[in-house]
C-alpha cells in the first residue's frame, strides 16, 4: 500500500557498507509511480522530514556537545556534499550511502530506490558500529526513538510537504 512504512530484512552487504556493524535494520515504503531517485528520497526524509524530528536533533546536539560528539554541520567535507547533517559517501540514482565516523560510533544510512515504473519503493537501511562504551551507551539511549523517527521520516518521501 502506498505510503505504508514497514520493517523489512536488510538487503545491503553490511561488510561493504560498514564492516563490523553491530546494529542494522531496514524499513521500506511503497511510493507508487513517483519518479524519485535515491538523493531525492534521502532529501525528503532528512531535510523535509517531520518538524518534531528536527527538534529532537537540536536537543541531541545540545546534549552531546559536552561529550565531544559531532553535531550538525561538523566534520570533514564530503565528496557528495551533505544532505542535512549527513555527508554523502557514495551515490547512484538507485542508491545513496550517507554517514560518518565519530570516536564513539560509525554510522551509515543507505537509501535504495527500486521497483518498476508502476510500483516503486524506497528502502532505508541504518548501520551502526560502536567504538567504545560511549557509543554503546548512546546507541542504547536512542534505540527507543529510532524506529519511530525512521518511520516518520520515510512517510515524507511520499508526502514531502510539511
N, C-alpha and C. Protein backbone atom coordinates (compact mmCIF):
# COMPACT_ATOMS: atom_id res chain seq x y z
N UNK A 1 0.84 -1.19 0.00
CA UNK A 1 0.00 0.00 0.00
C UNK A 1 0.88 1.25 0.00
N UNK A 2 0.59 2.19 -0.85
CA UNK A 2 1.39 3.40 -0.97
C UNK A 2 1.39 4.17 0.35
N UNK A 3 2.58 4.57 0.79
CA UNK A 3 2.73 5.37 1.99
C UNK A 3 2.87 4.58 3.28
N UNK A 4 2.65 3.27 3.23
CA UNK A 4 2.79 2.45 4.43
C UNK A 4 4.25 2.05 4.60
N UNK A 5 4.80 2.35 5.74
CA UNK A 5 6.19 2.02 6.05
C UNK A 5 6.20 0.73 6.85
N UNK A 6 7.02 -0.23 6.40
CA UNK A 6 7.12 -1.49 7.13
C UNK A 6 8.58 -1.88 7.31
N UNK A 7 8.85 -2.56 8.40
CA UNK A 7 10.20 -3.05 8.66
C UNK A 7 10.43 -4.27 7.77
N UNK A 8 11.61 -4.36 7.17
CA UNK A 8 11.97 -5.46 6.29
C UNK A 8 13.36 -5.98 6.67
N UNK A 9 13.70 -7.14 6.16
CA UNK A 9 15.04 -7.68 6.38
C UNK A 9 16.04 -6.84 5.59
N UNK A 10 17.14 -6.41 6.21
CA UNK A 10 18.14 -5.63 5.48
C UNK A 10 18.68 -6.40 4.29
N UNK A 11 18.85 -5.70 3.15
CA UNK A 11 19.34 -6.31 1.93
C UNK A 11 20.63 -5.67 1.44
N UNK A 12 21.41 -5.09 2.34
CA UNK A 12 22.68 -4.49 1.96
C UNK A 12 23.82 -5.39 2.43
N UNK A 13 24.93 -5.30 1.75
CA UNK A 13 26.13 -6.02 2.17
C UNK A 13 26.79 -5.20 3.28
N UNK A 14 26.47 -5.55 4.51
CA UNK A 14 26.96 -4.78 5.66
C UNK A 14 28.48 -4.70 5.66
N UNK A 15 29.15 -5.77 5.26
CA UNK A 15 30.61 -5.76 5.24
C UNK A 15 31.18 -4.73 4.28
N UNK A 16 30.48 -4.48 3.18
CA UNK A 16 30.95 -3.49 2.21
C UNK A 16 30.58 -2.07 2.61
N UNK A 17 29.45 -1.92 3.29
CA UNK A 17 28.98 -0.58 3.67
C UNK A 17 29.61 -0.12 4.98
N UNK A 18 29.63 -0.99 5.99
CA UNK A 18 30.20 -0.65 7.29
C UNK A 18 30.62 -1.95 7.98
N UNK A 19 31.82 -2.39 7.67
CA UNK A 19 32.34 -3.64 8.22
C UNK A 19 32.29 -3.62 9.74
N UNK A 20 31.83 -4.70 10.33
CA UNK A 20 31.78 -4.80 11.78
C UNK A 20 30.56 -4.17 12.41
N UNK A 21 29.58 -3.76 11.61
CA UNK A 21 28.37 -3.13 12.17
C UNK A 21 27.70 -4.08 13.16
N UNK A 22 27.37 -3.55 14.34
CA UNK A 22 26.69 -4.35 15.36
C UNK A 22 25.19 -4.18 15.31
N UNK A 23 24.74 -3.12 14.64
CA UNK A 23 23.30 -2.86 14.51
C UNK A 23 22.98 -2.60 13.06
N UNK A 24 21.90 -3.24 12.58
CA UNK A 24 21.42 -2.98 11.23
C UNK A 24 19.92 -3.24 11.21
N UNK A 25 19.18 -2.31 10.61
CA UNK A 25 17.76 -2.53 10.37
C UNK A 25 17.37 -1.83 9.08
N UNK A 26 16.18 -2.15 8.59
CA UNK A 26 15.72 -1.57 7.33
C UNK A 26 14.21 -1.40 7.34
N UNK A 27 13.77 -0.34 6.67
CA UNK A 27 12.35 -0.04 6.52
C UNK A 27 12.09 0.28 5.05
N UNK A 28 10.87 -0.05 4.59
CA UNK A 28 10.53 0.16 3.18
C UNK A 28 9.18 0.84 3.09
N UNK A 29 9.07 1.73 2.10
CA UNK A 29 7.80 2.40 1.81
C UNK A 29 7.53 2.29 0.32
N UNK A 30 6.29 1.99 -0.02
CA UNK A 30 5.86 1.95 -1.41
C UNK A 30 5.53 3.39 -1.82
N UNK A 31 6.03 3.80 -3.01
CA UNK A 31 5.81 5.18 -3.45
C UNK A 31 5.02 5.26 -4.76
N UNK A 32 4.50 4.12 -5.23
CA UNK A 32 3.70 4.11 -6.46
C UNK A 32 4.56 4.39 -7.67
N UNK A 33 4.07 5.25 -8.55
CA UNK A 33 4.77 5.55 -9.79
C UNK A 33 5.64 6.81 -9.68
N UNK A 34 5.84 7.32 -8.47
CA UNK A 34 6.62 8.55 -8.28
C UNK A 34 8.04 8.38 -8.84
N UNK A 35 8.48 9.36 -9.59
CA UNK A 35 9.83 9.35 -10.17
C UNK A 35 10.79 10.00 -9.18
N UNK A 36 11.29 9.21 -8.25
CA UNK A 36 12.17 9.69 -7.20
C UNK A 36 13.47 8.90 -7.26
N UNK A 37 14.61 9.60 -7.27
CA UNK A 37 15.88 8.89 -7.18
C UNK A 37 16.32 8.85 -5.72
N UNK A 38 17.44 8.19 -5.46
CA UNK A 38 17.89 7.99 -4.08
C UNK A 38 18.19 9.32 -3.38
N UNK A 39 18.81 10.28 -4.07
CA UNK A 39 19.11 11.58 -3.45
C UNK A 39 17.83 12.31 -3.06
N UNK A 40 16.86 12.32 -3.96
CA UNK A 40 15.60 12.99 -3.66
C UNK A 40 14.89 12.32 -2.49
N UNK A 41 14.88 10.99 -2.47
CA UNK A 41 14.25 10.27 -1.36
C UNK A 41 14.94 10.61 -0.04
N UNK A 42 16.26 10.61 -0.03
CA UNK A 42 17.02 10.93 1.18
C UNK A 42 16.76 12.38 1.61
N UNK A 43 16.74 13.28 0.64
CA UNK A 43 16.47 14.69 0.95
C UNK A 43 15.09 14.86 1.56
N UNK A 44 14.09 14.21 0.99
CA UNK A 44 12.74 14.31 1.56
C UNK A 44 12.70 13.77 2.98
N UNK A 45 13.44 12.71 3.25
CA UNK A 45 13.47 12.13 4.59
C UNK A 45 14.17 13.04 5.59
N UNK A 46 15.36 13.50 5.21
CA UNK A 46 16.25 14.17 6.16
C UNK A 46 15.99 15.67 6.23
N UNK A 47 15.86 16.32 5.09
CA UNK A 47 15.72 17.78 5.07
C UNK A 47 14.26 18.21 5.23
N UNK A 48 13.36 17.44 4.65
CA UNK A 48 11.94 17.81 4.68
C UNK A 48 11.13 16.87 5.57
N UNK A 49 11.81 16.30 6.56
CA UNK A 49 11.15 15.38 7.48
C UNK A 49 10.28 16.13 8.48
N UNK A 50 9.68 15.38 9.39
CA UNK A 50 8.80 15.99 10.40
C UNK A 50 9.54 17.00 11.27
N UNK A 51 8.86 18.07 11.61
CA UNK A 51 9.47 19.13 12.43
C UNK A 51 9.86 18.61 13.81
N UNK A 52 9.09 17.69 14.37
CA UNK A 52 9.43 17.17 15.70
C UNK A 52 10.75 16.43 15.68
N UNK A 53 11.11 15.82 14.53
CA UNK A 53 12.41 15.16 14.42
C UNK A 53 13.52 16.21 14.44
N UNK A 54 13.29 17.35 13.76
CA UNK A 54 14.26 18.45 13.80
C UNK A 54 14.49 18.90 15.24
N UNK A 55 13.41 19.01 16.01
CA UNK A 55 13.52 19.42 17.41
C UNK A 55 14.32 18.39 18.22
N UNK A 56 14.10 17.11 17.97
CA UNK A 56 14.88 16.07 18.66
C UNK A 56 16.37 16.17 18.31
N UNK A 57 16.68 16.45 17.04
CA UNK A 57 18.08 16.59 16.62
C UNK A 57 18.74 17.79 17.28
N UNK A 58 18.00 18.90 17.39
CA UNK A 58 18.55 20.07 18.08
C UNK A 58 18.84 19.75 19.54
N UNK A 59 17.92 19.04 20.19
CA UNK A 59 18.12 18.64 21.58
C UNK A 59 19.32 17.70 21.69
N UNK A 60 19.42 16.74 20.78
CA UNK A 60 20.55 15.81 20.76
C UNK A 60 21.86 16.57 20.66
N UNK A 61 21.92 17.57 19.76
CA UNK A 61 23.15 18.33 19.58
C UNK A 61 23.56 19.08 20.86
N UNK A 62 22.58 19.59 21.57
CA UNK A 62 22.87 20.28 22.84
C UNK A 62 23.41 19.28 23.87
N UNK A 63 22.76 18.11 23.95
CA UNK A 63 23.13 17.12 24.96
C UNK A 63 24.48 16.47 24.71
N UNK A 64 24.88 16.29 23.44
CA UNK A 64 26.12 15.56 23.16
C UNK A 64 27.35 16.47 23.06
N UNK A 65 27.15 17.76 22.96
CA UNK A 65 28.28 18.69 22.82
C UNK A 65 29.31 18.53 23.94
N UNK A 66 28.91 18.40 25.21
CA UNK A 66 29.91 18.24 26.27
C UNK A 66 30.76 16.96 26.14
N UNK A 67 30.27 15.99 25.39
CA UNK A 67 30.99 14.72 25.22
C UNK A 67 31.89 14.72 23.99
N UNK A 68 31.89 15.84 23.25
CA UNK A 68 32.75 15.95 22.08
C UNK A 68 32.24 15.21 20.85
N UNK A 69 30.96 14.87 20.82
CA UNK A 69 30.40 14.17 19.68
C UNK A 69 30.06 15.16 18.57
N UNK A 70 30.07 14.66 17.32
CA UNK A 70 29.78 15.52 16.18
C UNK A 70 28.33 15.99 16.25
N UNK A 71 28.13 17.23 15.81
CA UNK A 71 26.80 17.80 15.72
C UNK A 71 26.58 18.28 14.30
N UNK A 72 25.41 18.78 14.02
CA UNK A 72 25.06 19.22 12.67
C UNK A 72 26.12 20.16 12.11
N UNK A 73 26.53 19.89 10.89
CA UNK A 73 27.46 20.77 10.20
C UNK A 73 28.91 20.57 10.53
N UNK A 74 29.24 19.62 11.44
CA UNK A 74 30.63 19.37 11.78
C UNK A 74 31.19 18.26 10.92
N UNK A 75 32.48 18.16 10.91
CA UNK A 75 33.11 17.04 10.23
C UNK A 75 33.86 17.43 8.99
N UNK A 76 34.34 16.43 8.29
CA UNK A 76 35.14 16.65 7.11
C UNK A 76 34.24 16.87 5.90
N UNK A 77 34.74 17.58 4.87
CA UNK A 77 33.95 17.76 3.65
C UNK A 77 33.64 16.40 3.02
N UNK A 78 32.45 16.28 2.46
CA UNK A 78 32.04 15.03 1.84
C UNK A 78 32.11 15.17 0.32
N UNK A 79 32.59 14.13 -0.37
CA UNK A 79 32.69 14.21 -1.82
C UNK A 79 31.35 14.44 -2.49
N UNK A 80 30.28 13.92 -1.90
CA UNK A 80 28.94 14.08 -2.47
C UNK A 80 28.14 15.16 -1.80
N UNK A 81 28.81 16.02 -1.02
CA UNK A 81 28.09 17.08 -0.31
C UNK A 81 27.38 16.55 0.92
N UNK A 82 26.51 17.36 1.46
CA UNK A 82 25.74 17.00 2.64
C UNK A 82 24.26 16.94 2.30
N UNK A 83 23.56 16.04 2.95
CA UNK A 83 22.10 16.05 2.96
C UNK A 83 21.74 16.19 4.42
N UNK A 84 21.26 17.37 4.77
CA UNK A 84 21.06 17.67 6.18
C UNK A 84 22.41 17.66 6.86
N UNK A 85 22.55 16.87 7.92
CA UNK A 85 23.84 16.79 8.61
C UNK A 85 24.65 15.59 8.16
N UNK A 86 24.15 14.84 7.17
CA UNK A 86 24.81 13.60 6.75
C UNK A 86 25.68 13.79 5.52
N UNK A 87 26.98 13.53 5.62
CA UNK A 87 27.85 13.56 4.45
C UNK A 87 27.50 12.39 3.51
N UNK A 88 27.44 12.68 2.21
CA UNK A 88 27.17 11.64 1.22
C UNK A 88 28.48 10.94 0.91
N UNK A 89 28.52 9.62 1.17
CA UNK A 89 29.72 8.81 0.99
C UNK A 89 29.81 8.30 -0.45
N UNK A 90 28.68 7.83 -0.99
CA UNK A 90 28.63 7.36 -2.38
C UNK A 90 27.20 7.50 -2.88
N UNK A 91 27.08 7.50 -4.24
CA UNK A 91 25.75 7.77 -4.77
C UNK A 91 25.62 7.28 -6.21
N UNK A 92 24.48 6.64 -6.48
CA UNK A 92 23.98 6.36 -7.82
C UNK A 92 22.52 6.77 -7.79
N UNK A 93 21.84 6.82 -8.93
CA UNK A 93 20.41 7.14 -8.87
C UNK A 93 19.60 6.16 -8.03
N UNK A 94 20.06 4.91 -7.94
CA UNK A 94 19.32 3.89 -7.20
C UNK A 94 19.75 3.74 -5.75
N UNK A 95 20.96 4.19 -5.39
CA UNK A 95 21.45 4.02 -4.02
C UNK A 95 22.29 5.20 -3.58
N UNK A 96 21.99 5.68 -2.38
CA UNK A 96 22.79 6.73 -1.76
C UNK A 96 23.24 6.22 -0.40
N UNK A 97 24.52 6.36 -0.12
CA UNK A 97 25.07 5.99 1.17
C UNK A 97 25.58 7.28 1.82
N UNK A 98 25.07 7.55 3.02
CA UNK A 98 25.49 8.74 3.76
C UNK A 98 25.92 8.28 5.15
N UNK A 99 26.69 9.11 5.82
CA UNK A 99 27.09 8.78 7.18
C UNK A 99 28.46 9.32 7.51
N UNK A 100 28.92 8.98 8.70
CA UNK A 100 30.21 9.49 9.17
C UNK A 100 30.76 8.58 10.24
N UNK A 101 32.03 8.76 10.50
CA UNK A 101 32.71 8.07 11.59
C UNK A 101 32.99 9.09 12.68
N UNK A 102 32.72 8.70 13.90
CA UNK A 102 33.00 9.55 15.05
C UNK A 102 33.75 8.69 16.06
N UNK A 103 34.29 9.29 17.10
CA UNK A 103 35.09 8.47 18.01
C UNK A 103 34.23 7.49 18.80
N UNK A 104 32.94 7.77 18.97
CA UNK A 104 32.08 6.88 19.75
C UNK A 104 31.39 5.81 18.90
N UNK A 105 31.02 6.17 17.66
CA UNK A 105 30.40 5.20 16.76
C UNK A 105 30.51 5.66 15.32
N UNK A 106 30.35 4.70 14.41
CA UNK A 106 30.34 4.96 12.97
C UNK A 106 28.94 4.63 12.49
N UNK A 107 28.40 5.46 11.60
CA UNK A 107 27.00 5.38 11.20
C UNK A 107 26.88 5.46 9.69
N UNK A 108 26.00 4.66 9.11
CA UNK A 108 25.68 4.76 7.69
C UNK A 108 24.17 4.67 7.51
N UNK A 109 23.68 5.47 6.58
CA UNK A 109 22.30 5.43 6.13
C UNK A 109 22.35 5.08 4.65
N UNK A 110 21.69 3.99 4.26
CA UNK A 110 21.64 3.57 2.87
C UNK A 110 20.20 3.73 2.40
N UNK A 111 20.02 4.51 1.32
CA UNK A 111 18.69 4.72 0.74
C UNK A 111 18.70 4.09 -0.64
N UNK A 112 17.85 3.06 -0.81
CA UNK A 112 17.74 2.35 -2.09
C UNK A 112 16.37 2.61 -2.70
N UNK A 113 16.36 2.86 -4.01
CA UNK A 113 15.12 3.02 -4.76
C UNK A 113 15.04 1.86 -5.75
N UNK A 114 13.92 1.15 -5.76
CA UNK A 114 13.78 0.00 -6.64
C UNK A 114 12.37 -0.13 -7.16
N UNK A 115 12.14 -1.23 -7.86
CA UNK A 115 10.83 -1.49 -8.43
C UNK A 115 10.76 -1.03 -9.87
N UNK A 116 9.54 -1.05 -10.43
CA UNK A 116 9.36 -0.62 -11.82
C UNK A 116 8.54 0.66 -11.86
N UNK A 117 8.22 1.14 -13.05
CA UNK A 117 7.55 2.44 -13.22
C UNK A 117 6.19 2.50 -12.54
N UNK A 118 5.54 1.37 -12.32
CA UNK A 118 4.21 1.39 -11.70
C UNK A 118 4.23 1.09 -10.21
N UNK A 119 5.30 0.49 -9.72
CA UNK A 119 5.36 0.12 -8.31
C UNK A 119 6.73 0.31 -7.72
N UNK A 120 7.10 1.55 -7.48
CA UNK A 120 8.44 1.85 -6.93
C UNK A 120 8.39 1.80 -5.41
N UNK A 121 9.58 1.56 -4.84
CA UNK A 121 9.69 1.50 -3.39
C UNK A 121 11.03 2.08 -2.97
N UNK A 122 11.07 2.58 -1.75
CA UNK A 122 12.29 3.11 -1.16
C UNK A 122 12.57 2.34 0.12
N UNK A 123 13.82 1.89 0.25
CA UNK A 123 14.25 1.19 1.45
C UNK A 123 15.34 2.01 2.12
N UNK A 124 15.19 2.21 3.41
CA UNK A 124 16.17 2.93 4.22
C UNK A 124 16.79 1.93 5.19
N UNK A 125 18.11 1.77 5.11
CA UNK A 125 18.82 0.85 5.98
C UNK A 125 19.78 1.64 6.86
N UNK A 126 19.77 1.36 8.14
CA UNK A 126 20.65 2.02 9.10
C UNK A 126 21.66 0.99 9.59
N UNK A 127 22.94 1.37 9.59
CA UNK A 127 24.00 0.52 10.11
C UNK A 127 24.80 1.32 11.12
N UNK A 128 25.15 0.69 12.25
CA UNK A 128 25.93 1.35 13.29
C UNK A 128 26.99 0.39 13.80
N UNK A 129 28.21 0.92 13.94
CA UNK A 129 29.31 0.19 14.58
C UNK A 129 29.77 1.05 15.75
N UNK A 130 29.63 0.51 16.95
CA UNK A 130 30.07 1.27 18.12
C UNK A 130 31.56 1.05 18.33
N UNK A 131 32.23 2.08 18.84
CA UNK A 131 33.68 2.04 19.01
C UNK A 131 34.14 1.98 20.46
N UNK A 132 33.21 2.25 21.39
CA UNK A 132 33.59 2.27 22.80
C UNK A 132 32.32 2.27 23.67
N UNK A 133 32.51 2.38 24.97
CA UNK A 133 31.38 2.38 25.90
C UNK A 133 30.43 3.55 25.62
N UNK A 134 30.96 4.71 25.30
CA UNK A 134 30.12 5.86 25.00
C UNK A 134 29.23 5.55 23.79
N UNK A 135 29.77 4.93 22.77
CA UNK A 135 28.98 4.57 21.59
C UNK A 135 27.89 3.56 21.92
N UNK A 136 28.22 2.56 22.72
CA UNK A 136 27.22 1.55 23.11
C UNK A 136 26.12 2.19 23.96
N UNK A 137 26.50 3.10 24.84
CA UNK A 137 25.52 3.80 25.68
C UNK A 137 24.63 4.70 24.83
N UNK A 138 25.24 5.45 23.92
CA UNK A 138 24.49 6.34 23.03
C UNK A 138 23.49 5.54 22.20
N UNK A 139 23.94 4.42 21.63
CA UNK A 139 23.05 3.58 20.83
C UNK A 139 21.87 3.07 21.66
N UNK A 140 22.15 2.63 22.87
CA UNK A 140 21.08 2.14 23.76
C UNK A 140 20.08 3.25 24.08
N UNK A 141 20.56 4.47 24.24
CA UNK A 141 19.67 5.59 24.58
C UNK A 141 18.78 6.00 23.41
N UNK A 142 19.29 5.92 22.17
CA UNK A 142 18.47 6.37 21.04
C UNK A 142 17.57 5.28 20.47
N UNK A 143 17.84 4.02 20.78
CA UNK A 143 17.06 2.91 20.22
C UNK A 143 15.56 3.04 20.44
N UNK A 144 15.09 3.47 21.63
CA UNK A 144 13.64 3.58 21.79
C UNK A 144 12.99 4.55 20.79
N UNK A 145 13.75 5.50 20.28
CA UNK A 145 13.21 6.50 19.36
C UNK A 145 13.46 6.17 17.90
N UNK A 146 14.45 5.33 17.63
CA UNK A 146 14.92 5.09 16.26
C UNK A 146 13.82 4.67 15.30
N UNK A 147 13.07 3.63 15.63
CA UNK A 147 12.05 3.12 14.71
C UNK A 147 10.97 4.17 14.44
N UNK A 148 10.54 4.86 15.46
CA UNK A 148 9.53 5.91 15.30
C UNK A 148 10.05 7.02 14.39
N UNK A 149 11.29 7.44 14.60
CA UNK A 149 11.88 8.51 13.80
C UNK A 149 12.01 8.09 12.34
N UNK A 150 12.55 6.89 12.09
CA UNK A 150 12.74 6.44 10.71
C UNK A 150 11.40 6.30 10.00
N UNK A 151 10.43 5.69 10.64
CA UNK A 151 9.10 5.54 10.01
C UNK A 151 8.51 6.90 9.65
N UNK A 152 8.61 7.85 10.56
CA UNK A 152 8.06 9.19 10.31
C UNK A 152 8.79 9.89 9.18
N UNK A 153 10.11 9.75 9.15
CA UNK A 153 10.89 10.39 8.08
C UNK A 153 10.57 9.76 6.73
N UNK A 154 10.37 8.45 6.69
CA UNK A 154 10.09 7.78 5.42
C UNK A 154 8.72 8.14 4.85
N UNK A 155 7.78 8.46 5.70
CA UNK A 155 6.46 8.90 5.22
C UNK A 155 6.61 10.18 4.40
N UNK A 156 7.62 10.97 4.68
CA UNK A 156 7.84 12.23 3.98
C UNK A 156 8.33 12.03 2.54
N UNK A 157 8.75 10.82 2.20
CA UNK A 157 9.12 10.54 0.81
C UNK A 157 7.87 10.60 -0.06
N UNK A 158 6.75 10.08 0.46
CA UNK A 158 5.51 10.06 -0.28
C UNK A 158 4.80 11.40 -0.17
N UNK A 159 4.88 12.03 0.99
CA UNK A 159 4.22 13.31 1.25
C UNK A 159 5.28 14.32 1.69
N UNK A 160 6.03 14.90 0.72
CA UNK A 160 7.17 15.73 1.10
C UNK A 160 6.84 17.05 1.76
N UNK A 161 5.63 17.58 1.57
CA UNK A 161 5.31 18.88 2.16
C UNK A 161 5.05 18.72 3.65
N UNK A 162 5.49 19.73 4.44
CA UNK A 162 5.17 19.69 5.87
C UNK A 162 4.72 21.04 6.33
